[in-house]
Amino acid sequence: MALFLLLFATGCDRREMICSTPRECIDTHGELGLCLSMHCAFRDNRCPSGFRFDDSAGELAEICVSASDVPPDAGTPDAR
């Protein structure tokens, strides 16, 4: 039983979040991100595309988003 709990606990360091719309992707500063490949990505100027997958993105966590995956209007705020 102890081994099971140890394995279970080590596998739960991160929770993977699945999104279906960008409205589900809001960072800790209240900035809206992108929902790409069912995972949230947020602005990161260190990435060529300008976006990096969030640490909740499972296998994509902390990987720069490919420039070809970023929608053309991702950098333009919506008109209010």
N, C-alpha and C. Protein backbone atom coordinates (compact mmCIF):
# COMPACT_ATOMS: atom_id res chain seq x y z
N MET A 1 0.82 -1.19 0.00
CA MET A 1 0.00 0.00 0.00
C MET A 1 0.87 1.26 0.00
N ALA A 2 1.95 1.25 0.80
CA ALA A 2 2.83 2.41 0.86
C ALA A 2 3.47 2.68 -0.49
N LEU A 3 3.85 1.63 -1.21
CA LEU A 3 4.44 1.80 -2.53
C LEU A 3 3.43 2.44 -3.49
N PHE A 4 2.20 2.00 -3.43
CA PHE A 4 1.15 2.57 -4.28
C PHE A 4 0.99 4.06 -3.99
N LEU A 5 0.95 4.43 -2.73
CA LEU A 5 0.80 5.85 -2.37
C LEU A 5 2.00 6.66 -2.83
N LEU A 6 3.19 6.10 -2.74
CA LEU A 6 4.38 6.79 -3.19
C LEU A 6 4.33 7.01 -4.71
N LEU A 7 3.97 5.98 -5.45
CA LEU A 7 3.87 6.11 -6.90
C LEU A 7 2.77 7.09 -7.29
N PHE A 8 1.66 7.04 -6.60
CA PHE A 8 0.55 7.94 -6.88
C PHE A 8 0.96 9.39 -6.61
N ALA A 9 1.62 9.62 -5.49
CA ALA A 9 2.02 10.97 -5.11
C ALA A 9 3.05 11.55 -6.06
N THR A 10 4.00 10.74 -6.52
CA THR A 10 5.02 11.27 -7.43
C THR A 10 4.46 11.55 -8.81
N GLY A 11 3.39 10.90 -9.19
CA GLY A 11 2.79 11.13 -10.50
C GLY A 11 1.84 12.30 -10.52
N CYS A 12 1.64 12.96 -9.41
CA CYS A 12 0.66 14.05 -9.34
C CYS A 12 1.30 15.40 -9.07
N ASP A 13 2.54 15.57 -9.48
CA ASP A 13 3.20 16.85 -9.25
C ASP A 13 2.50 17.97 -10.01
N ARG A 14 2.02 17.69 -11.19
CA ARG A 14 1.35 18.69 -12.01
C ARG A 14 -0.03 18.19 -12.38
N ARG A 15 -0.95 19.09 -12.46
CA ARG A 15 -2.28 18.74 -12.95
C ARG A 15 -2.37 19.23 -14.38
N GLU A 16 -2.78 18.35 -15.26
CA GLU A 16 -2.94 18.72 -16.66
C GLU A 16 -4.31 19.34 -16.84
N MET A 17 -4.34 20.53 -17.43
CA MET A 17 -5.59 21.22 -17.68
C MET A 17 -5.91 21.17 -19.16
N ILE A 18 -7.11 20.79 -19.48
CA ILE A 18 -7.58 20.75 -20.86
C ILE A 18 -8.50 21.95 -21.08
N CYS A 19 -8.30 22.67 -22.18
CA CYS A 19 -9.17 23.81 -22.49
C CYS A 19 -9.89 23.56 -23.81
N SER A 20 -10.97 24.29 -23.98
CA SER A 20 -11.69 24.23 -25.26
C SER A 20 -11.85 25.62 -25.87
N THR A 21 -11.67 26.67 -25.06
CA THR A 21 -11.74 28.05 -25.56
C THR A 21 -10.68 28.88 -24.86
N PRO A 22 -10.24 29.98 -25.46
CA PRO A 22 -9.26 30.85 -24.82
C PRO A 22 -9.76 31.44 -23.49
N ARG A 23 -11.06 31.55 -23.33
CA ARG A 23 -11.61 32.12 -22.09
C ARG A 23 -11.26 31.28 -20.86
N GLU A 24 -10.85 30.05 -21.09
CA GLU A 24 -10.42 29.18 -19.99
C GLU A 24 -8.95 29.38 -19.66
N CYS A 25 -8.26 30.20 -20.44
CA CYS A 25 -6.82 30.40 -20.30
C CYS A 25 -6.53 31.82 -19.82
N ILE A 26 -6.56 32.02 -18.53
CA ILE A 26 -6.26 33.32 -17.94
C ILE A 26 -5.11 33.11 -16.96
N ASP A 27 -4.03 33.87 -17.15
CA ASP A 27 -2.87 33.68 -16.29
C ASP A 27 -3.04 34.38 -14.94
N THR A 28 -2.04 34.30 -14.10
CA THR A 28 -2.13 34.85 -12.75
C THR A 28 -2.21 36.38 -12.74
N HIS A 29 -1.93 37.01 -13.87
CA HIS A 29 -2.01 38.47 -13.98
C HIS A 29 -3.31 38.91 -14.65
N GLY A 30 -4.18 37.95 -14.95
CA GLY A 30 -5.46 38.26 -15.58
C GLY A 30 -5.39 38.39 -17.09
N GLU A 31 -4.25 38.03 -17.69
CA GLU A 31 -4.08 38.11 -19.14
C GLU A 31 -4.67 36.89 -19.81
N LEU A 32 -5.40 37.11 -20.89
CA LEU A 32 -5.99 36.04 -21.67
C LEU A 32 -4.92 35.37 -22.53
N GLY A 33 -4.90 34.05 -22.51
CA GLY A 33 -3.95 33.30 -23.33
C GLY A 33 -4.63 32.69 -24.53
N LEU A 34 -4.00 31.69 -25.10
CA LEU A 34 -4.54 30.95 -26.23
C LEU A 34 -4.86 29.54 -25.80
N CYS A 35 -5.83 28.93 -26.45
CA CYS A 35 -6.12 27.51 -26.25
C CYS A 35 -5.70 26.80 -27.54
N LEU A 36 -4.57 26.12 -27.47
CA LEU A 36 -4.01 25.43 -28.64
C LEU A 36 -3.79 23.97 -28.30
N SER A 37 -4.19 23.08 -29.16
CA SER A 37 -4.03 21.64 -28.92
C SER A 37 -4.64 21.25 -27.57
N MET A 38 -5.73 21.92 -27.21
CA MET A 38 -6.47 21.68 -25.97
C MET A 38 -5.68 22.03 -24.71
N HIS A 39 -4.67 22.91 -24.84
CA HIS A 39 -3.86 23.35 -23.70
C HIS A 39 -3.64 24.86 -23.78
N CYS A 40 -3.50 25.48 -22.62
CA CYS A 40 -3.29 26.93 -22.56
C CYS A 40 -1.85 27.31 -22.86
N ALA A 41 -1.73 28.39 -23.60
CA ALA A 41 -0.42 28.98 -23.90
C ALA A 41 -0.52 30.47 -23.60
N PHE A 42 0.56 31.01 -23.07
CA PHE A 42 0.57 32.42 -22.70
C PHE A 42 1.76 33.13 -23.32
N ARG A 43 1.66 34.47 -23.39
CA ARG A 43 2.73 35.28 -23.97
C ARG A 43 4.06 35.01 -23.29
N ASP A 44 5.08 34.87 -24.13
CA ASP A 44 6.44 34.71 -23.64
C ASP A 44 7.36 35.23 -24.74
N ASN A 45 7.97 36.37 -24.50
CA ASN A 45 8.83 36.99 -25.50
C ASN A 45 10.10 36.21 -25.78
N ARG A 46 10.41 35.21 -24.94
CA ARG A 46 11.60 34.39 -25.18
C ARG A 46 11.35 33.34 -26.26
N CYS A 47 10.09 33.16 -26.66
CA CYS A 47 9.75 32.19 -27.72
C CYS A 47 9.60 32.92 -29.04
N PRO A 48 10.08 32.34 -30.14
CA PRO A 48 9.96 32.97 -31.46
C PRO A 48 8.51 33.30 -31.82
N SER A 49 7.57 32.47 -31.41
CA SER A 49 6.16 32.71 -31.72
C SER A 49 5.54 33.73 -30.78
N GLY A 50 6.21 33.99 -29.65
CA GLY A 50 5.65 34.90 -28.65
C GLY A 50 4.77 34.21 -27.62
N PHE A 51 4.63 32.87 -27.72
CA PHE A 51 3.79 32.12 -26.79
C PHE A 51 4.48 30.84 -26.34
N ARG A 52 4.20 30.47 -25.08
CA ARG A 52 4.73 29.24 -24.49
C ARG A 52 3.56 28.52 -23.80
N PHE A 53 3.56 27.18 -23.93
CA PHE A 53 2.54 26.40 -23.25
C PHE A 53 2.72 26.52 -21.74
N ASP A 54 1.60 26.58 -21.04
CA ASP A 54 1.58 26.69 -19.58
C ASP A 54 2.13 25.42 -18.94
N ASP A 55 2.53 25.50 -17.69
CA ASP A 55 3.05 24.31 -17.01
C ASP A 55 1.97 23.28 -16.73
N SER A 56 0.71 23.61 -17.00
CA SER A 56 -0.39 22.66 -16.84
C SER A 56 -0.70 21.92 -18.15
N ALA A 57 0.15 22.07 -19.16
CA ALA A 57 -0.12 21.53 -20.49
C ALA A 57 0.42 20.12 -20.70
N GLY A 58 0.60 19.37 -19.65
CA GLY A 58 1.04 17.98 -19.78
C GLY A 58 2.38 17.88 -20.48
N GLU A 59 2.44 17.06 -21.51
CA GLU A 59 3.70 16.85 -22.24
C GLU A 59 4.19 18.09 -22.97
N LEU A 60 3.30 19.05 -23.20
CA LEU A 60 3.68 20.29 -23.88
C LEU A 60 4.14 21.38 -22.91
N ALA A 61 4.09 21.11 -21.63
CA ALA A 61 4.41 22.11 -20.61
C ALA A 61 5.75 22.78 -20.86
N GLU A 62 5.72 24.12 -20.82
CA GLU A 62 6.90 24.97 -20.93
C GLU A 62 7.58 24.93 -22.30
N ILE A 63 6.93 24.35 -23.31
CA ILE A 63 7.47 24.31 -24.67
C ILE A 63 6.95 25.52 -25.43
N CYS A 64 7.82 26.15 -26.22
CA CYS A 64 7.38 27.26 -27.06
C CYS A 64 6.39 26.76 -28.10
N VAL A 65 5.36 27.54 -28.32
CA VAL A 65 4.37 27.23 -29.36
C VAL A 65 5.00 27.52 -30.71
N SER A 66 4.75 26.66 -31.66
CA SER A 66 5.24 26.87 -33.03
C SER A 66 4.55 28.11 -33.61
N ALA A 67 5.31 28.93 -34.31
CA ALA A 67 4.74 30.14 -34.91
C ALA A 67 3.60 29.81 -35.86
N SER A 68 3.66 28.66 -36.51
CA SER A 68 2.59 28.29 -37.45
C SER A 68 1.29 27.91 -36.73
N ASP A 69 1.36 27.67 -35.41
CA ASP A 69 0.17 27.31 -34.65
C ASP A 69 -0.54 28.51 -34.02
N VAL A 70 0.12 29.66 -34.05
CA VAL A 70 -0.46 30.86 -33.45
C VAL A 70 -1.39 31.52 -34.47
N PRO A 71 -2.65 31.75 -34.10
CA PRO A 71 -3.58 32.40 -35.03
C PRO A 71 -3.07 33.79 -35.41
N PRO A 72 -3.34 34.24 -36.63
CA PRO A 72 -2.81 35.52 -37.11
C PRO A 72 -3.18 36.72 -36.24
N ASP A 73 -4.33 36.68 -35.59
CA ASP A 73 -4.77 37.82 -34.80
C ASP A 73 -4.49 37.65 -33.31
N ALA A 74 -3.63 36.72 -32.92
CA ALA A 74 -3.40 36.42 -31.50
C ALA A 74 -2.79 37.61 -30.76
N GLY A 75 -2.07 38.47 -31.46
CA GLY A 75 -1.45 39.59 -30.78
C GLY A 75 -2.32 40.84 -30.73
N THR A 76 -3.43 40.83 -31.40
CA THR A 76 -4.29 41.99 -31.46
C THR A 76 -5.43 41.86 -30.45
N PRO A 77 -5.54 42.80 -29.50
CA PRO A 77 -6.64 42.71 -28.53
C PRO A 77 -8.00 42.87 -29.24
N ASP A 78 -8.99 42.21 -28.70
CA ASP A 78 -10.35 42.32 -29.25
C ASP A 78 -10.88 43.72 -29.02
N ALA A 79 -11.66 44.21 -29.97
CA ALA A 79 -12.31 45.50 -29.82
C ALA A 79 -13.37 45.40 -28.74
N ARG A 80 -13.52 46.41 -27.97
CA ARG A 80 -14.51 46.39 -26.89
C ARG A 80 -15.77 47.08 -27.32
